[in-house]
N, C-alpha and C. Protein backbone atom coordinates (compact mmCIF):
# COMPACT_ATOMS: atom_id res chain seq x y z
N MET A 1 -181.14 -168.04 33.91
CA MET A 1 -180.07 -167.98 34.80
C MET A 1 -180.14 -166.62 35.61
N PRO A 2 -179.91 -166.66 36.92
CA PRO A 2 -179.89 -165.40 37.72
C PRO A 2 -178.80 -164.49 37.29
N PRO A 3 -178.88 -163.22 37.42
CA PRO A 3 -177.79 -162.30 37.06
C PRO A 3 -176.66 -162.51 37.99
N SER A 4 -175.47 -162.22 37.42
CA SER A 4 -174.21 -162.39 38.23
C SER A 4 -174.25 -161.32 39.37
N PHE A 5 -173.81 -161.82 40.61
CA PHE A 5 -173.80 -160.90 41.68
C PHE A 5 -172.73 -159.85 41.57
N ARG A 6 -171.76 -160.12 40.72
CA ARG A 6 -170.69 -159.07 40.52
C ARG A 6 -171.30 -157.80 39.98
N ALA A 7 -172.45 -157.91 39.24
CA ALA A 7 -172.99 -156.68 38.70
C ALA A 7 -174.10 -156.10 39.55
N ASN A 8 -174.27 -156.64 40.76
CA ASN A 8 -175.33 -156.09 41.67
C ASN A 8 -175.00 -154.81 42.20
N PHE A 9 -173.75 -154.51 42.37
CA PHE A 9 -173.30 -153.23 43.10
C PHE A 9 -172.48 -152.52 42.08
N PRO A 10 -173.01 -151.88 41.12
CA PRO A 10 -172.29 -151.16 40.13
C PRO A 10 -171.66 -149.90 40.68
N ASP A 11 -170.57 -149.48 40.10
CA ASP A 11 -169.92 -148.26 40.45
C ASP A 11 -170.80 -147.08 39.87
N SER A 12 -171.65 -146.54 40.70
CA SER A 12 -172.57 -145.50 40.20
C SER A 12 -172.16 -144.10 40.71
N PRO A 13 -172.61 -143.10 40.02
CA PRO A 13 -172.35 -141.70 40.55
C PRO A 13 -172.83 -141.55 41.98
N THR A 14 -172.20 -140.71 42.68
CA THR A 14 -172.64 -140.38 44.06
C THR A 14 -174.07 -139.95 44.05
N HIS A 15 -174.81 -140.49 44.99
CA HIS A 15 -176.24 -140.10 45.11
C HIS A 15 -176.27 -138.93 46.16
N ARG A 16 -176.79 -137.79 45.64
CA ARG A 16 -176.88 -136.60 46.52
C ARG A 16 -178.27 -136.37 46.96
N HIS A 17 -178.44 -136.05 48.26
CA HIS A 17 -179.82 -136.01 48.78
C HIS A 17 -179.93 -134.69 49.76
N ALA A 18 -181.06 -134.57 50.37
CA ALA A 18 -181.31 -133.39 51.29
C ALA A 18 -180.36 -133.57 52.52
N THR A 19 -180.15 -132.49 53.14
CA THR A 19 -179.21 -132.51 54.27
C THR A 19 -179.81 -133.12 55.54
N ALA A 20 -178.91 -133.63 56.41
CA ALA A 20 -179.35 -134.19 57.70
C ALA A 20 -179.65 -133.10 58.63
N GLY A 21 -179.26 -131.88 58.33
CA GLY A 21 -179.48 -130.72 59.24
C GLY A 21 -180.88 -130.05 58.96
N ARG A 22 -181.73 -130.76 58.18
CA ARG A 22 -183.03 -130.27 57.87
C ARG A 22 -182.96 -128.78 57.34
N PRO A 23 -182.38 -128.68 56.16
CA PRO A 23 -182.29 -127.30 55.63
C PRO A 23 -183.60 -126.66 55.18
N GLY A 24 -183.49 -125.31 55.10
CA GLY A 24 -184.72 -124.66 54.65
C GLY A 24 -184.86 -124.85 53.14
N LEU A 25 -186.00 -124.39 52.64
CA LEU A 25 -186.33 -124.54 51.17
C LEU A 25 -185.27 -123.85 50.34
N GLY A 26 -184.75 -124.62 49.39
CA GLY A 26 -183.76 -124.02 48.48
C GLY A 26 -182.32 -124.17 48.89
N GLU A 27 -182.07 -124.63 50.11
CA GLU A 27 -180.70 -124.76 50.58
C GLU A 27 -180.09 -125.95 49.89
N ARG A 28 -178.81 -125.88 49.68
CA ARG A 28 -178.07 -126.95 48.99
C ARG A 28 -177.79 -128.13 49.96
N PRO A 29 -177.80 -129.37 49.45
CA PRO A 29 -177.49 -130.49 50.41
C PRO A 29 -175.98 -130.51 50.78
N ASN A 30 -175.67 -131.00 51.97
CA ASN A 30 -174.35 -131.03 52.42
C ASN A 30 -173.81 -132.42 52.79
N TRP A 31 -174.54 -133.42 52.34
CA TRP A 31 -174.12 -134.81 52.51
C TRP A 31 -174.47 -135.67 51.40
N ASP A 32 -173.63 -136.79 51.23
CA ASP A 32 -173.80 -137.73 50.14
C ASP A 32 -173.89 -139.22 50.64
N VAL A 33 -174.37 -140.06 49.82
CA VAL A 33 -174.28 -141.50 50.08
C VAL A 33 -173.05 -142.07 49.34
N LEU A 34 -172.09 -142.50 50.17
CA LEU A 34 -170.75 -142.80 49.62
C LEU A 34 -170.38 -144.22 50.04
N PRO A 35 -169.39 -144.88 49.37
CA PRO A 35 -168.83 -146.08 49.88
C PRO A 35 -168.18 -145.97 51.30
N GLY A 36 -168.39 -146.95 52.16
CA GLY A 36 -167.77 -146.97 53.43
C GLY A 36 -166.28 -147.14 53.38
N ARG A 37 -165.63 -146.56 54.33
CA ARG A 37 -164.17 -146.62 54.45
C ARG A 37 -163.82 -147.30 55.81
N VAL A 38 -162.55 -147.75 55.89
CA VAL A 38 -162.09 -148.38 57.12
C VAL A 38 -162.24 -147.42 58.30
N ARG A 39 -161.95 -146.17 58.10
CA ARG A 39 -161.93 -145.25 59.20
C ARG A 39 -163.44 -144.91 59.69
N ASP A 40 -164.43 -145.40 58.92
CA ASP A 40 -165.79 -145.25 59.28
C ASP A 40 -166.34 -146.31 60.19
N VAL A 41 -165.52 -147.40 60.38
CA VAL A 41 -166.09 -148.50 61.13
C VAL A 41 -166.44 -148.17 62.52
N SER A 42 -165.58 -147.39 63.21
CA SER A 42 -165.92 -147.14 64.64
C SER A 42 -167.21 -146.35 64.74
N ASP A 43 -167.41 -145.41 63.83
CA ASP A 43 -168.67 -144.62 63.80
C ASP A 43 -169.90 -145.52 63.58
N MET A 44 -169.75 -146.38 62.61
CA MET A 44 -170.85 -147.30 62.28
C MET A 44 -171.17 -148.24 63.44
N LEU A 45 -170.13 -148.68 64.08
CA LEU A 45 -170.32 -149.57 65.30
C LEU A 45 -171.08 -148.83 66.39
N ASN A 46 -170.68 -147.51 66.59
CA ASN A 46 -171.32 -146.75 67.69
C ASN A 46 -172.79 -146.52 67.28
N LEU A 47 -173.12 -146.28 66.04
CA LEU A 47 -174.51 -146.11 65.67
C LEU A 47 -175.32 -147.27 65.95
N VAL A 48 -174.88 -148.49 65.66
CA VAL A 48 -175.63 -149.73 65.97
C VAL A 48 -175.77 -149.98 67.47
N VAL A 49 -174.73 -149.71 68.23
CA VAL A 49 -174.83 -149.89 69.68
C VAL A 49 -175.84 -148.92 70.28
N SER A 50 -175.79 -147.70 69.84
CA SER A 50 -176.70 -146.71 70.34
C SER A 50 -178.18 -147.07 70.04
N ALA A 51 -178.33 -147.54 68.74
CA ALA A 51 -179.71 -147.92 68.31
C ALA A 51 -180.16 -149.12 69.06
N ALA A 52 -179.28 -150.06 69.35
CA ALA A 52 -179.61 -151.26 70.03
C ALA A 52 -180.13 -150.87 71.47
N ALA A 53 -179.49 -149.87 72.10
CA ALA A 53 -179.85 -149.44 73.45
C ALA A 53 -181.26 -148.85 73.45
N GLU A 54 -181.72 -148.37 72.25
CA GLU A 54 -183.05 -147.78 72.11
C GLU A 54 -184.09 -148.81 71.61
N GLY A 55 -183.60 -150.06 71.44
CA GLY A 55 -184.63 -151.12 70.95
C GLY A 55 -184.69 -151.25 69.47
N HIS A 56 -183.94 -150.52 68.66
CA HIS A 56 -184.04 -150.64 67.20
C HIS A 56 -183.31 -151.79 66.65
N PHE A 57 -182.34 -152.31 67.40
CA PHE A 57 -181.59 -153.53 67.06
C PHE A 57 -181.63 -154.46 68.21
N THR A 58 -181.29 -155.72 67.89
CA THR A 58 -181.22 -156.71 68.97
C THR A 58 -180.29 -156.33 70.09
N GLU A 59 -180.65 -156.62 71.32
CA GLU A 59 -179.85 -156.16 72.46
C GLU A 59 -178.51 -156.89 72.55
N VAL A 60 -178.37 -157.95 71.71
CA VAL A 60 -176.98 -158.62 71.79
C VAL A 60 -175.84 -157.67 71.41
N TYR A 61 -176.18 -156.57 70.74
CA TYR A 61 -175.15 -155.72 70.33
C TYR A 61 -174.65 -154.85 71.46
N LEU A 62 -175.32 -154.97 72.53
CA LEU A 62 -174.81 -154.32 73.77
C LEU A 62 -173.80 -155.11 74.50
N ASP A 63 -173.55 -156.34 74.09
CA ASP A 63 -172.55 -157.24 74.58
C ASP A 63 -171.23 -156.94 73.80
N VAL A 64 -170.12 -156.77 74.53
CA VAL A 64 -168.83 -156.40 73.85
C VAL A 64 -168.38 -157.51 72.88
N ARG A 65 -168.66 -158.73 73.19
CA ARG A 65 -168.29 -159.85 72.32
C ARG A 65 -168.95 -159.68 70.95
N TYR A 66 -170.25 -159.33 70.95
CA TYR A 66 -171.00 -159.14 69.72
C TYR A 66 -170.60 -157.92 68.98
N GLN A 67 -170.16 -156.87 69.74
CA GLN A 67 -169.67 -155.63 69.18
C GLN A 67 -168.34 -155.90 68.39
N LEU A 68 -167.53 -156.78 68.93
CA LEU A 68 -166.31 -157.19 68.26
C LEU A 68 -166.59 -157.96 67.03
N GLY A 69 -167.63 -158.84 67.09
CA GLY A 69 -167.98 -159.60 65.87
C GLY A 69 -168.51 -158.67 64.83
N LEU A 70 -169.29 -157.68 65.20
CA LEU A 70 -169.85 -156.73 64.27
C LEU A 70 -168.75 -155.83 63.66
N ALA A 71 -167.77 -155.49 64.42
CA ALA A 71 -166.63 -154.70 63.91
C ALA A 71 -165.94 -155.52 62.79
N LEU A 72 -165.68 -156.83 63.07
CA LEU A 72 -165.08 -157.70 62.11
C LEU A 72 -165.88 -157.82 60.78
N GLN A 73 -167.23 -157.92 60.98
CA GLN A 73 -168.16 -157.98 59.84
C GLN A 73 -167.93 -156.73 58.92
N LEU A 74 -167.98 -155.58 59.64
CA LEU A 74 -167.81 -154.22 58.92
C LEU A 74 -166.51 -154.05 58.24
N PHE A 75 -165.39 -154.48 58.95
CA PHE A 75 -164.10 -154.41 58.32
C PHE A 75 -164.00 -155.30 57.07
N GLY A 76 -164.57 -156.48 57.15
CA GLY A 76 -164.63 -157.43 56.03
C GLY A 76 -165.41 -156.89 54.86
N ALA A 77 -166.60 -156.26 55.14
CA ALA A 77 -167.43 -155.75 54.10
C ALA A 77 -166.75 -154.57 53.42
N VAL A 78 -166.08 -153.70 54.21
CA VAL A 78 -165.47 -152.51 53.65
C VAL A 78 -164.22 -152.86 52.89
N LEU A 79 -163.39 -153.77 53.44
CA LEU A 79 -162.10 -154.06 52.82
C LEU A 79 -162.20 -155.05 51.70
N LEU A 80 -163.00 -156.12 51.87
CA LEU A 80 -163.05 -157.22 50.96
C LEU A 80 -164.28 -157.31 50.17
N GLY A 81 -165.41 -156.55 50.58
CA GLY A 81 -166.68 -156.72 49.92
C GLY A 81 -167.33 -158.01 50.20
N ARG A 82 -166.97 -158.56 51.38
CA ARG A 82 -167.50 -159.90 51.81
C ARG A 82 -168.01 -159.78 53.29
N VAL A 83 -168.91 -160.60 53.60
CA VAL A 83 -169.45 -160.66 55.07
C VAL A 83 -169.96 -162.01 55.34
N ARG A 84 -169.69 -162.45 56.52
CA ARG A 84 -170.30 -163.70 57.09
C ARG A 84 -171.30 -163.29 58.13
N VAL A 85 -172.54 -163.83 57.99
CA VAL A 85 -173.66 -163.52 58.90
C VAL A 85 -173.96 -164.89 59.66
N GLY A 86 -173.94 -164.84 60.99
CA GLY A 86 -174.27 -166.11 61.71
C GLY A 86 -173.43 -167.26 61.28
N THR A 87 -174.10 -168.33 61.01
CA THR A 87 -173.41 -169.60 60.55
C THR A 87 -173.53 -169.74 59.00
N GLN A 88 -174.01 -168.69 58.32
CA GLN A 88 -174.14 -168.82 56.85
C GLN A 88 -172.85 -168.62 56.11
N PRO A 89 -172.84 -169.06 54.91
CA PRO A 89 -171.55 -168.87 54.14
C PRO A 89 -171.22 -167.39 53.91
N VAL A 90 -169.99 -167.14 53.65
CA VAL A 90 -169.53 -165.81 53.31
C VAL A 90 -170.25 -165.36 52.03
N SER A 91 -170.65 -164.15 51.96
CA SER A 91 -171.35 -163.61 50.74
C SER A 91 -170.84 -162.24 50.40
N ARG A 92 -171.06 -161.83 49.10
CA ARG A 92 -170.65 -160.46 48.75
C ARG A 92 -171.56 -159.48 49.49
N ALA A 93 -170.87 -158.27 49.75
CA ALA A 93 -171.50 -157.28 50.49
C ALA A 93 -171.05 -155.87 50.14
N ARG A 94 -171.74 -154.93 50.46
CA ARG A 94 -171.21 -153.48 50.30
C ARG A 94 -171.79 -152.63 51.51
N VAL A 95 -171.00 -151.62 51.87
CA VAL A 95 -171.28 -150.71 52.88
C VAL A 95 -171.44 -149.31 52.26
N ARG A 96 -172.47 -148.67 52.56
CA ARG A 96 -172.61 -147.27 52.09
C ARG A 96 -172.89 -146.35 53.34
N VAL A 97 -172.32 -145.15 53.33
CA VAL A 97 -172.45 -144.30 54.49
C VAL A 97 -172.89 -142.90 54.08
N VAL A 98 -173.50 -142.20 55.02
CA VAL A 98 -173.79 -140.77 54.88
C VAL A 98 -172.93 -140.04 55.92
N ARG A 99 -172.15 -139.12 55.44
CA ARG A 99 -171.31 -138.33 56.30
C ARG A 99 -171.70 -136.89 56.35
N GLN A 100 -171.57 -136.35 57.60
CA GLN A 100 -171.75 -134.88 57.71
C GLN A 100 -170.46 -134.38 58.39
N GLY A 101 -169.75 -133.67 57.52
CA GLY A 101 -168.37 -133.33 57.96
C GLY A 101 -167.53 -134.60 57.94
N ARG A 102 -166.89 -134.91 59.04
CA ARG A 102 -166.06 -136.11 59.19
C ARG A 102 -166.80 -137.24 59.85
N ASP A 103 -168.03 -136.92 60.31
CA ASP A 103 -168.81 -137.88 61.06
C ASP A 103 -169.72 -138.69 60.29
N VAL A 104 -169.87 -140.03 60.46
CA VAL A 104 -170.89 -140.82 59.77
C VAL A 104 -172.17 -140.75 60.61
N ILE A 105 -173.15 -140.28 59.92
CA ILE A 105 -174.47 -140.08 60.60
C ILE A 105 -175.51 -141.10 60.18
N GLY A 106 -175.08 -142.01 59.27
CA GLY A 106 -175.92 -143.13 58.83
C GLY A 106 -175.19 -144.08 58.00
N PHE A 107 -175.58 -145.33 58.00
CA PHE A 107 -174.97 -146.31 57.09
C PHE A 107 -175.79 -147.44 56.82
N ALA A 108 -175.49 -148.19 55.76
CA ALA A 108 -176.27 -149.40 55.41
C ALA A 108 -175.35 -150.46 54.99
N LEU A 109 -175.56 -151.75 55.43
CA LEU A 109 -174.81 -152.87 55.04
C LEU A 109 -175.75 -153.83 54.27
N MET A 110 -175.47 -154.04 52.98
CA MET A 110 -176.28 -154.92 52.15
C MET A 110 -175.44 -156.10 51.77
N ARG A 111 -176.16 -157.32 51.74
CA ARG A 111 -175.42 -158.54 51.38
C ARG A 111 -176.22 -159.37 50.44
N HIS A 112 -175.52 -160.22 49.68
CA HIS A 112 -176.15 -161.16 48.83
C HIS A 112 -176.58 -162.37 49.70
N LEU A 113 -177.91 -162.70 49.51
CA LEU A 113 -178.44 -163.80 50.38
C LEU A 113 -177.85 -165.15 49.92
N PRO A 114 -177.58 -166.10 50.85
CA PRO A 114 -177.02 -167.38 50.55
C PRO A 114 -178.00 -168.27 49.89
N GLY A 115 -177.51 -169.42 49.37
CA GLY A 115 -178.46 -170.41 48.78
C GLY A 115 -178.20 -170.53 47.36
N GLU A 116 -178.20 -171.79 46.84
CA GLU A 116 -177.98 -172.15 45.58
C GLU A 116 -178.99 -171.45 44.56
N GLY A 117 -178.54 -170.69 43.64
CA GLY A 117 -179.43 -170.02 42.74
C GLY A 117 -179.97 -168.74 43.20
N SER A 118 -179.61 -168.31 44.44
CA SER A 118 -180.26 -167.07 44.94
C SER A 118 -179.54 -165.83 44.35
N ALA A 119 -180.38 -164.98 43.81
CA ALA A 119 -179.91 -163.69 43.32
C ALA A 119 -180.45 -162.52 44.08
N HIS A 120 -180.98 -162.83 45.23
CA HIS A 120 -181.60 -161.75 46.08
C HIS A 120 -180.80 -161.16 47.06
N LEU A 121 -181.18 -160.05 47.67
CA LEU A 121 -180.25 -159.27 48.54
C LEU A 121 -181.02 -159.00 49.88
N GLU A 122 -180.23 -158.77 50.89
CA GLU A 122 -180.76 -158.32 52.20
C GLU A 122 -180.15 -157.03 52.60
N LEU A 123 -180.96 -156.09 53.11
CA LEU A 123 -180.40 -154.96 53.75
C LEU A 123 -180.19 -155.39 55.22
N HIS A 124 -179.02 -155.83 55.48
CA HIS A 124 -178.76 -156.45 56.80
C HIS A 124 -178.74 -155.45 57.92
N LEU A 125 -178.21 -154.27 57.72
CA LEU A 125 -178.18 -153.25 58.73
C LEU A 125 -178.42 -151.90 58.15
N LEU A 126 -179.16 -151.05 58.79
CA LEU A 126 -179.36 -149.67 58.42
C LEU A 126 -179.55 -148.90 59.74
N ALA A 127 -178.59 -148.00 60.02
CA ALA A 127 -178.58 -147.22 61.24
C ALA A 127 -178.42 -145.80 60.97
N VAL A 128 -179.14 -144.92 61.70
CA VAL A 128 -179.04 -143.51 61.53
C VAL A 128 -178.87 -142.89 62.82
N HIS A 129 -177.97 -141.88 62.99
CA HIS A 129 -177.79 -141.26 64.20
C HIS A 129 -179.16 -140.58 64.77
N ALA A 130 -179.30 -140.58 66.01
CA ALA A 130 -180.55 -140.13 66.65
C ALA A 130 -180.99 -138.71 66.15
N HIS A 131 -179.88 -137.84 66.02
CA HIS A 131 -180.20 -136.43 65.69
C HIS A 131 -180.46 -136.22 64.24
N ALA A 132 -180.16 -137.26 63.48
CA ALA A 132 -180.36 -137.20 62.00
C ALA A 132 -181.60 -137.91 61.48
N ARG A 133 -182.33 -138.49 62.42
CA ARG A 133 -183.55 -139.21 61.97
C ARG A 133 -184.63 -138.26 61.51
N GLN A 134 -185.50 -138.73 60.64
CA GLN A 134 -186.57 -137.97 60.11
C GLN A 134 -186.09 -136.85 59.27
N SER A 135 -184.95 -137.01 58.71
CA SER A 135 -184.37 -135.94 57.86
C SER A 135 -184.02 -136.42 56.44
N GLY A 136 -184.38 -137.66 56.14
CA GLY A 136 -184.16 -138.17 54.85
C GLY A 136 -182.92 -139.05 54.70
N VAL A 137 -182.14 -139.20 55.78
CA VAL A 137 -180.88 -140.01 55.63
C VAL A 137 -181.25 -141.50 55.46
N GLY A 138 -182.18 -142.01 56.24
CA GLY A 138 -182.57 -143.43 56.17
C GLY A 138 -183.17 -143.68 54.74
N LYS A 139 -184.05 -142.76 54.35
CA LYS A 139 -184.71 -142.87 53.00
C LYS A 139 -183.65 -142.89 51.92
N ALA A 140 -182.72 -142.08 52.03
CA ALA A 140 -181.61 -142.04 50.98
C ALA A 140 -180.80 -143.33 50.96
N LEU A 141 -180.52 -143.89 52.13
CA LEU A 141 -179.77 -145.12 52.16
C LEU A 141 -180.54 -146.33 51.60
N LEU A 142 -181.86 -146.34 51.86
CA LEU A 142 -182.72 -147.42 51.32
C LEU A 142 -182.88 -147.28 49.87
N ALA A 143 -183.02 -145.96 49.35
CA ALA A 143 -183.07 -145.79 47.99
C ALA A 143 -181.90 -146.21 47.23
N ASP A 144 -180.71 -145.96 47.85
CA ASP A 144 -179.40 -146.38 47.20
C ASP A 144 -179.34 -147.89 47.22
N ALA A 145 -179.87 -148.66 48.26
CA ALA A 145 -179.85 -150.09 48.24
C ALA A 145 -180.78 -150.55 47.09
N LEU A 146 -181.91 -149.97 46.95
CA LEU A 146 -182.86 -150.39 45.93
C LEU A 146 -182.32 -150.10 44.50
N SER A 147 -181.47 -149.13 44.36
CA SER A 147 -180.89 -148.82 43.07
C SER A 147 -179.92 -149.88 42.63
N ALA A 148 -179.52 -150.78 43.55
CA ALA A 148 -178.57 -151.89 43.13
C ALA A 148 -179.32 -153.12 42.57
N LEU A 149 -180.63 -153.11 42.76
CA LEU A 149 -181.45 -154.29 42.31
C LEU A 149 -181.50 -154.38 40.75
N GLN A 150 -181.38 -155.56 40.33
CA GLN A 150 -181.50 -155.78 38.86
C GLN A 150 -182.95 -156.46 38.64
N GLU A 151 -183.17 -156.61 37.34
CA GLU A 151 -184.52 -157.24 37.06
C GLU A 151 -184.65 -158.68 37.68
N GLY A 152 -185.75 -158.92 38.36
CA GLY A 152 -185.98 -160.19 38.95
C GLY A 152 -185.45 -160.35 40.39
N GLN A 153 -184.75 -159.30 40.83
CA GLN A 153 -184.20 -159.38 42.21
C GLN A 153 -185.13 -158.70 43.16
N CYS A 154 -185.08 -159.04 44.40
CA CYS A 154 -185.86 -158.34 45.44
C CYS A 154 -184.85 -158.13 46.70
N LEU A 155 -185.28 -157.22 47.46
CA LEU A 155 -184.44 -156.83 48.69
C LEU A 155 -185.27 -157.16 49.91
N PHE A 156 -184.72 -157.93 50.82
CA PHE A 156 -185.36 -158.32 52.05
C PHE A 156 -184.88 -157.41 53.17
N VAL A 157 -185.75 -157.03 54.09
CA VAL A 157 -185.38 -156.29 55.26
C VAL A 157 -186.07 -156.88 56.45
N THR A 158 -185.33 -157.02 57.52
CA THR A 158 -185.87 -157.65 58.77
C THR A 158 -185.90 -156.57 59.87
N THR A 159 -186.99 -156.38 60.53
CA THR A 159 -187.09 -155.37 61.53
C THR A 159 -187.51 -155.95 62.93
N LEU A 160 -187.09 -155.36 63.99
CA LEU A 160 -187.58 -155.79 65.35
C LEU A 160 -188.97 -155.19 65.58
N PRO A 161 -189.66 -155.75 66.57
CA PRO A 161 -190.96 -155.14 66.87
C PRO A 161 -191.00 -153.71 67.19
N ASN A 162 -189.98 -153.23 67.85
CA ASN A 162 -189.95 -151.77 68.32
C ASN A 162 -189.35 -150.83 67.25
N ALA A 163 -188.94 -151.43 66.16
CA ALA A 163 -188.31 -150.54 65.08
C ALA A 163 -189.41 -149.89 64.23
N HIS A 164 -190.19 -149.04 64.88
CA HIS A 164 -191.37 -148.44 64.19
C HIS A 164 -190.95 -147.53 63.05
N GLY A 165 -189.92 -146.78 63.26
CA GLY A 165 -189.43 -145.83 62.25
C GLY A 165 -189.01 -146.55 60.97
N MET A 166 -188.28 -147.69 61.14
CA MET A 166 -187.81 -148.47 60.02
C MET A 166 -188.99 -149.10 59.28
N LYS A 167 -189.92 -149.59 60.05
CA LYS A 167 -191.07 -150.22 59.38
C LYS A 167 -191.84 -149.18 58.47
N ARG A 168 -192.02 -148.00 59.03
CA ARG A 168 -192.67 -146.92 58.30
C ARG A 168 -191.88 -146.59 56.99
N LEU A 169 -190.57 -146.49 57.13
CA LEU A 169 -189.69 -146.14 56.03
C LEU A 169 -189.90 -147.31 54.96
N VAL A 170 -189.79 -148.50 55.39
CA VAL A 170 -189.94 -149.67 54.33
C VAL A 170 -191.22 -149.71 53.71
N ARG A 171 -192.33 -149.46 54.46
CA ARG A 171 -193.67 -149.48 53.81
C ARG A 171 -193.78 -148.29 52.89
N LYS A 172 -193.36 -147.14 53.21
CA LYS A 172 -193.42 -145.95 52.38
C LYS A 172 -192.66 -146.21 51.06
N SER A 173 -191.65 -147.02 51.16
CA SER A 173 -190.82 -147.30 49.97
C SER A 173 -191.36 -148.47 49.07
N GLY A 174 -192.52 -148.97 49.47
CA GLY A 174 -193.21 -150.01 48.74
C GLY A 174 -192.97 -151.39 49.34
N GLY A 175 -192.50 -151.51 50.56
CA GLY A 175 -192.20 -152.85 51.09
C GLY A 175 -193.50 -153.52 51.55
N ARG A 176 -193.48 -154.84 51.32
CA ARG A 176 -194.64 -155.64 51.62
C ARG A 176 -194.25 -156.55 52.84
N SER A 177 -195.02 -156.64 53.90
CA SER A 177 -194.77 -157.47 55.02
C SER A 177 -194.96 -159.00 54.70
N LEU A 178 -193.96 -159.73 55.13
CA LEU A 178 -194.07 -161.25 54.93
C LEU A 178 -194.41 -161.94 56.17
N GLY A 179 -194.55 -161.13 57.29
CA GLY A 179 -194.77 -161.74 58.64
C GLY A 179 -193.54 -162.06 59.41
N PRO A 180 -193.70 -162.71 60.52
CA PRO A 180 -192.51 -163.00 61.40
C PRO A 180 -191.53 -163.94 60.70
N VAL A 181 -190.27 -163.63 60.97
CA VAL A 181 -189.22 -164.63 60.49
C VAL A 181 -189.26 -165.84 61.28
N SER A 182 -189.27 -165.67 62.58
CA SER A 182 -189.33 -166.84 63.49
C SER A 182 -189.76 -166.38 64.82
N LEU A 183 -190.31 -167.29 65.64
CA LEU A 183 -190.64 -166.96 67.06
C LEU A 183 -189.99 -167.99 67.97
N LYS A 184 -189.37 -167.40 68.97
CA LYS A 184 -188.79 -168.24 70.05
C LYS A 184 -189.85 -168.69 71.03
N PRO A 185 -189.65 -169.81 71.72
CA PRO A 185 -190.61 -170.15 72.80
C PRO A 185 -190.99 -169.03 73.64
N ARG A 186 -192.38 -168.82 73.89
CA ARG A 186 -192.92 -167.84 74.76
C ARG A 186 -192.77 -166.44 74.16
N GLN A 187 -192.33 -166.34 72.97
CA GLN A 187 -192.18 -165.06 72.32
C GLN A 187 -193.46 -164.74 71.51
N GLN A 188 -194.13 -163.63 71.85
CA GLN A 188 -195.33 -163.27 71.13
C GLN A 188 -195.04 -162.42 69.88
N ARG A 189 -194.02 -161.60 69.90
CA ARG A 189 -193.69 -160.84 68.72
C ARG A 189 -192.22 -161.04 68.36
N GLY A 190 -192.03 -161.43 67.14
CA GLY A 190 -190.64 -161.63 66.68
C GLY A 190 -190.26 -160.65 65.54
N PRO A 191 -189.05 -160.81 65.05
CA PRO A 191 -188.63 -160.02 63.87
C PRO A 191 -189.59 -160.12 62.69
N GLU A 192 -189.87 -159.05 62.04
CA GLU A 192 -190.82 -159.03 60.92
C GLU A 192 -189.99 -158.88 59.59
N ALA A 193 -190.33 -159.60 58.62
CA ALA A 193 -189.62 -159.52 57.35
C ALA A 193 -190.47 -158.70 56.36
N PHE A 194 -189.76 -157.92 55.51
CA PHE A 194 -190.35 -157.20 54.40
C PHE A 194 -189.62 -157.45 53.17
N VAL A 195 -190.32 -157.37 52.06
CA VAL A 195 -189.64 -157.49 50.75
C VAL A 195 -190.00 -156.30 49.89
N LEU A 196 -188.95 -155.87 49.13
CA LEU A 196 -189.11 -154.69 48.23
C LEU A 196 -188.53 -155.11 46.85
N GLY A 197 -189.12 -154.57 45.81
CA GLY A 197 -188.66 -154.84 44.50
C GLY A 197 -189.77 -155.35 43.57
N ALA A 198 -189.54 -155.38 42.24
CA ALA A 198 -190.61 -155.79 41.35
C ALA A 198 -190.69 -157.24 41.20
N VAL A 199 -190.99 -157.92 42.29
CA VAL A 199 -191.18 -159.40 42.29
C VAL A 199 -192.57 -159.75 42.79
N SER A 200 -193.25 -160.63 42.18
CA SER A 200 -194.66 -160.83 42.53
C SER A 200 -194.76 -161.59 43.84
N PRO A 201 -195.81 -161.48 44.60
CA PRO A 201 -195.99 -162.21 45.85
C PRO A 201 -195.91 -163.69 45.61
N LEU A 202 -196.40 -164.25 44.43
CA LEU A 202 -196.24 -165.65 44.22
C LEU A 202 -194.80 -166.04 44.12
N GLU A 203 -194.01 -165.32 43.46
CA GLU A 203 -192.57 -165.62 43.38
C GLU A 203 -191.93 -165.56 44.75
N VAL A 204 -192.25 -164.62 45.53
CA VAL A 204 -191.63 -164.47 46.87
C VAL A 204 -192.04 -165.65 47.74
N SER A 205 -193.35 -166.13 47.64
CA SER A 205 -193.77 -167.20 48.45
C SER A 205 -193.08 -168.51 48.19
N SER A 206 -192.50 -168.61 47.00
CA SER A 206 -191.75 -169.83 46.64
C SER A 206 -190.27 -169.75 47.09
N LEU A 207 -189.86 -168.67 47.69
CA LEU A 207 -188.51 -168.49 48.08
C LEU A 207 -188.32 -168.94 49.54
N PRO A 208 -187.21 -169.61 49.91
CA PRO A 208 -186.98 -170.02 51.28
C PRO A 208 -186.48 -168.88 52.13
N TRP A 209 -187.22 -167.74 52.14
CA TRP A 209 -186.68 -166.56 52.79
C TRP A 209 -186.51 -166.66 54.31
N ARG A 210 -187.38 -167.54 54.94
CA ARG A 210 -187.17 -167.68 56.35
C ARG A 210 -185.78 -168.33 56.70
N GLY A 211 -185.43 -169.30 55.85
CA GLY A 211 -184.08 -169.93 56.00
C GLY A 211 -182.97 -168.90 55.80
N TRP A 212 -183.09 -168.01 54.79
CA TRP A 212 -182.07 -167.05 54.54
C TRP A 212 -181.97 -166.05 55.68
N LEU A 213 -183.10 -165.61 56.20
CA LEU A 213 -183.07 -164.54 57.22
C LEU A 213 -183.08 -165.00 58.67
N GLY A 214 -183.38 -166.26 58.90
CA GLY A 214 -183.55 -166.75 60.26
C GLY A 214 -182.26 -166.90 61.06
N ASP A 215 -181.15 -166.88 60.36
CA ASP A 215 -179.85 -166.96 61.03
C ASP A 215 -178.99 -165.68 60.71
N SER A 216 -179.72 -164.60 60.67
CA SER A 216 -178.99 -163.37 60.29
C SER A 216 -178.62 -162.45 61.42
N GLY A 217 -178.66 -162.92 62.65
CA GLY A 217 -178.28 -162.07 63.74
C GLY A 217 -176.81 -162.02 64.00
């Protein structure tokens, strides 16, 4: 039997990491990976919109209608621990943020993948402020997501072709490329899926991951 999803996101001590301000050797960190709060939603939304303008996320997030939908997703994940992605069923989720002062400089939204018997997770969104990139913020958020995995679980991540920084981060963290999720007509390069966790390639190949991730926009 797969492990209960209720235990996937344990209440763990705060994860403390290096500062986003790129401190010198021996300086104390000044930010933490913490649960997201309602007041963080506007900052998280702005991070995604800014990253979409740079090509790190799909350009649909530049449309006000999609921004509203994303805001509702984030509110649901923060308040209820639930999120609906595309036309898929509602699933359990959690939001983690990195704050510097009162500002959110990075966040991650992780969800339980749909499907009967599925015990696997998706890092649905991970965004970092442009000035805080290459400082360990993204690495800390990904490490925090991986810390929620239980035995036999894996974490899926989908990246756009231009999200080179995210691809490097995932590979450095042990991610294995699964290839494109799907290709639209006349599309030469599509979103690329990665998997992380102690799950064998044979086990992953038997999972319907394209169905899980193909409607995750």
